[in-house]
Amino acid sequence: MTVMDKLKQMLKGHEDKAGQGIDKAGDFVDDKTQGKYSSQVDTAQDKLKEQFGSDRSQQDPPQS
Protein backbone atom coordinates (compact mmCIF):
# COMPACT_ATOMS: atom_id res chain seq x y z
CA MET A 1 0.00 0.00 0.00
CA THR A 2 1.42 3.37 -1.01
CA VAL A 3 1.59 6.42 1.21
CA MET A 4 -1.13 8.09 -0.88
CA ASP A 5 -3.43 5.09 -0.37
CA LYS A 6 -2.86 5.26 3.39
CA LEU A 7 -3.63 8.98 3.43
CA LYS A 8 -6.81 8.48 1.42
CA GLN A 9 -7.91 5.74 3.82
CA MET A 10 -7.20 7.95 6.86
CA LEU A 11 -9.08 10.92 5.39
CA LYS A 12 -12.11 8.94 4.22
CA GLY A 13 -15.19 10.67 5.59
CA HIS A 14 -13.26 13.87 6.34
CA GLU A 15 -12.86 15.23 2.83
CA ASP A 16 -14.13 18.66 3.82
CA LYS A 17 -11.48 19.03 6.52
CA ALA A 18 -8.78 17.85 4.11
CA GLY A 19 -9.91 20.51 1.62
CA GLN A 20 -9.77 23.18 4.30
CA GLY A 21 -6.24 22.09 5.24
CA ILE A 22 -5.13 22.18 1.62
CA ASP A 23 -6.54 25.69 1.23
CA LYS A 24 -4.87 26.84 4.44
CA ALA A 25 -1.51 25.40 3.39
CA GLY A 26 -1.77 27.05 -0.02
CA ASP A 27 -2.60 30.40 1.55
CA PHE A 28 0.43 30.02 3.85
CA VAL A 29 2.74 29.36 0.89
CA ASP A 30 1.26 32.29 -1.04
CA ASP A 31 1.81 34.52 1.97
CA LYS A 32 5.42 33.44 2.46
CA THR A 33 6.27 33.79 -1.23
CA GLN A 34 4.30 37.06 -1.55
CA GLY A 35 2.12 35.50 -4.27
CA LYS A 36 5.05 34.91 -6.60
CA TYR A 37 4.01 31.30 -7.25
CA SER A 38 0.26 31.64 -6.79
CA SER A 39 -0.68 29.96 -10.08
CA GLN A 40 1.51 26.94 -9.26
CA VAL A 41 0.09 26.81 -5.73
CA ASP A 42 -3.47 26.91 -7.10
CA THR A 43 -2.68 24.06 -9.47
CA ALA A 44 -1.18 22.00 -6.65
CA GLN A 45 -4.24 22.67 -4.48
CA ASP A 46 -6.57 21.51 -7.24
CA LYS A 47 -4.55 18.32 -7.81
CA LEU A 48 -4.49 17.50 -4.09
CA LYS A 49 -8.21 18.08 -3.76
CA GLU A 50 -8.81 15.73 -6.69
CA GLN A 51 -6.62 13.07 -5.06
CA PHE A 52 -8.35 13.28 -1.69
CA GLY A 53 -11.86 13.72 -3.05
CA SER A 54 -12.48 17.02 -1.31
CA ASP A 55 -13.42 18.91 -4.47
CA ARG A 56 -16.62 17.05 -5.31
CA SER A 57 -18.23 20.12 -6.89
CA GLN A 58 -15.93 19.79 -9.91
CA GLN A 59 -16.05 16.00 -10.09
CA ASP A 60 -19.80 15.47 -9.84
CA PRO A 61 -21.75 18.30 -11.49
CA PRO A 62 -25.33 18.68 -10.25
CA GLN A 63 -27.93 16.74 -12.21
CA SER A 64 -30.72 18.83 -13.79
C-alpha atoms as a PDB file:
ATOM      1  CA  MET A   1       0.000   0.000   0.000  1.00  0.00           C
ATOM      2  CA  THR A   2       1.418   3.373  -1.006  1.00  0.00           C
ATOM      3  CA  VAL A   3       1.586   6.425   1.214  1.00  0.00           C
ATOM      4  CA  MET A   4      -1.131   8.089  -0.882  1.00  0.00           C
ATOM      5  CA  ASP A   5      -3.435   5.091  -0.369  1.00  0.00           C
ATOM      6  CA  LYS A   6      -2.858   5.263   3.393  1.00  0.00           C
ATOM      7  CA  LEU A   7      -3.625   8.983   3.429  1.00  0.00           C
ATOM      8  CA  LYS A   8      -6.813   8.480   1.422  1.00  0.00           C
ATOM      9  CA  GLN A   9      -7.915   5.745   3.821  1.00  0.00           C
ATOM     10  CA  MET A  10      -7.203   7.948   6.856  1.00  0.00           C
ATOM     11  CA  LEU A  11      -9.081  10.922   5.388  1.00  0.00           C
ATOM     12  CA  LYS A  12     -12.106   8.940   4.223  1.00  0.00           C
ATOM     13  CA  GLY A  13     -15.193  10.670   5.589  1.00  0.00           C
ATOM     14  CA  HIS A  14     -13.264  13.869   6.340  1.00  0.00           C
ATOM     15  CA  GLU A  15     -12.857  15.234   2.832  1.00  0.00           C
ATOM     16  CA  ASP A  16     -14.126  18.664   3.815  1.00  0.00           C
ATOM     17  CA  LYS A  17     -11.482  19.029   6.525  1.00  0.00           C
ATOM     18  CA  ALA A  18      -8.782  17.849   4.108  1.00  0.00           C
ATOM     19  CA  GLY A  19      -9.909  20.507   1.624  1.00  0.00           C
ATOM     20  CA  GLN A  20      -9.766  23.182   4.301  1.00  0.00           C
ATOM     21  CA  GLY A  21      -6.244  22.094   5.240  1.00  0.00           C
ATOM     22  CA  ILE A  22      -5.131  22.177   1.617  1.00  0.00           C
ATOM     23  CA  ASP A  23      -6.542  25.692   1.232  1.00  0.00           C
ATOM     24  CA  LYS A  24      -4.869  26.841   4.436  1.00  0.00           C
ATOM     25  CA  ALA A  25      -1.506  25.401   3.392  1.00  0.00           C
ATOM     26  CA  GLY A  26      -1.773  27.046  -0.023  1.00  0.00           C
ATOM     27  CA  ASP A  27      -2.595  30.395   1.552  1.00  0.00           C
ATOM     28  CA  PHE A  28       0.432  30.015   3.847  1.00  0.00           C
ATOM     29  CA  VAL A  29       2.742  29.355   0.886  1.00  0.00           C
ATOM     30  CA  ASP A  30       1.257  32.290  -1.040  1.00  0.00           C
ATOM     31  CA  ASP A  31       1.811  34.525   1.974  1.00  0.00           C
ATOM     32  CA  LYS A  32       5.423  33.437   2.459  1.00  0.00           C
ATOM     33  CA  THR A  33       6.274  33.795  -1.235  1.00  0.00           C
ATOM     34  CA  GLN A  34       4.299  37.055  -1.549  1.00  0.00           C
ATOM     35  CA  GLY A  35       2.120  35.502  -4.266  1.00  0.00           C
ATOM     36  CA  LYS A  36       5.047  34.905  -6.604  1.00  0.00           C
ATOM     37  CA  TYR A  37       4.007  31.300  -7.246  1.00  0.00           C
ATOM     38  CA  SER A  38       0.255  31.642  -6.787  1.00  0.00           C
ATOM     39  CA  SER A  39      -0.679  29.963 -10.078  1.00  0.00           C
ATOM     40  CA  GLN A  40       1.506  26.940  -9.259  1.00  0.00           C
ATOM     41  CA  VAL A  41       0.086  26.810  -5.729  1.00  0.00           C
ATOM     42  CA  ASP A  42      -3.466  26.913  -7.097  1.00  0.00           C
ATOM     43  CA  THR A  43      -2.678  24.059  -9.474  1.00  0.00           C
ATOM     44  CA  ALA A  44      -1.185  22.004  -6.650  1.00  0.00           C
ATOM     45  CA  GLN A  45      -4.237  22.668  -4.477  1.00  0.00           C
ATOM     46  CA  ASP A  46      -6.573  21.507  -7.237  1.00  0.00           C
ATOM     47  CA  LYS A  47      -4.555  18.323  -7.807  1.00  0.00           C
ATOM     48  CA  LEU A  48      -4.486  17.498  -4.088  1.00  0.00           C
ATOM     49  CA  LYS A  49      -8.214  18.082  -3.759  1.00  0.00           C
ATOM     50  CA  GLU A  50      -8.814  15.726  -6.691  1.00  0.00           C
ATOM     51  CA  GLN A  51      -6.619  13.073  -5.063  1.00  0.00           C
ATOM     52  CA  PHE A  52      -8.352  13.284  -1.691  1.00  0.00           C
ATOM     53  CA  GLY A  53     -11.863  13.721  -3.051  1.00  0.00           C
ATOM     54  CA  SER A  54     -12.481  17.019  -1.308  1.00  0.00           C
ATOM     55  CA  ASP A  55     -13.420  18.910  -4.474  1.00  0.00           C
ATOM     56  CA  ARG A  56     -16.617  17.054  -5.306  1.00  0.00           C
ATOM     57  CA  SER A  57     -18.234  20.120  -6.890  1.00  0.00           C
ATOM     58  CA  GLN A  58     -15.932  19.793  -9.907  1.00  0.00           C
ATOM     59  CA  GLN A  59     -16.051  15.999 -10.089  1.00  0.00           C
ATOM     60  CA  ASP A  60     -19.805  15.472  -9.838  1.00  0.00           C
ATOM     61  CA  PRO A  61     -21.747  18.295 -11.492  1.00  0.00           C
ATOM     62  CA  PRO A  62     -25.333  18.682 -10.254  1.00  0.00           C
ATOM     63  CA  GLN A  63     -27.930  16.740 -12.207  1.00  0.00           C
ATOM     64  CA  SER A  64     -30.719  18.833 -13.788  1.00  0.00           C
END
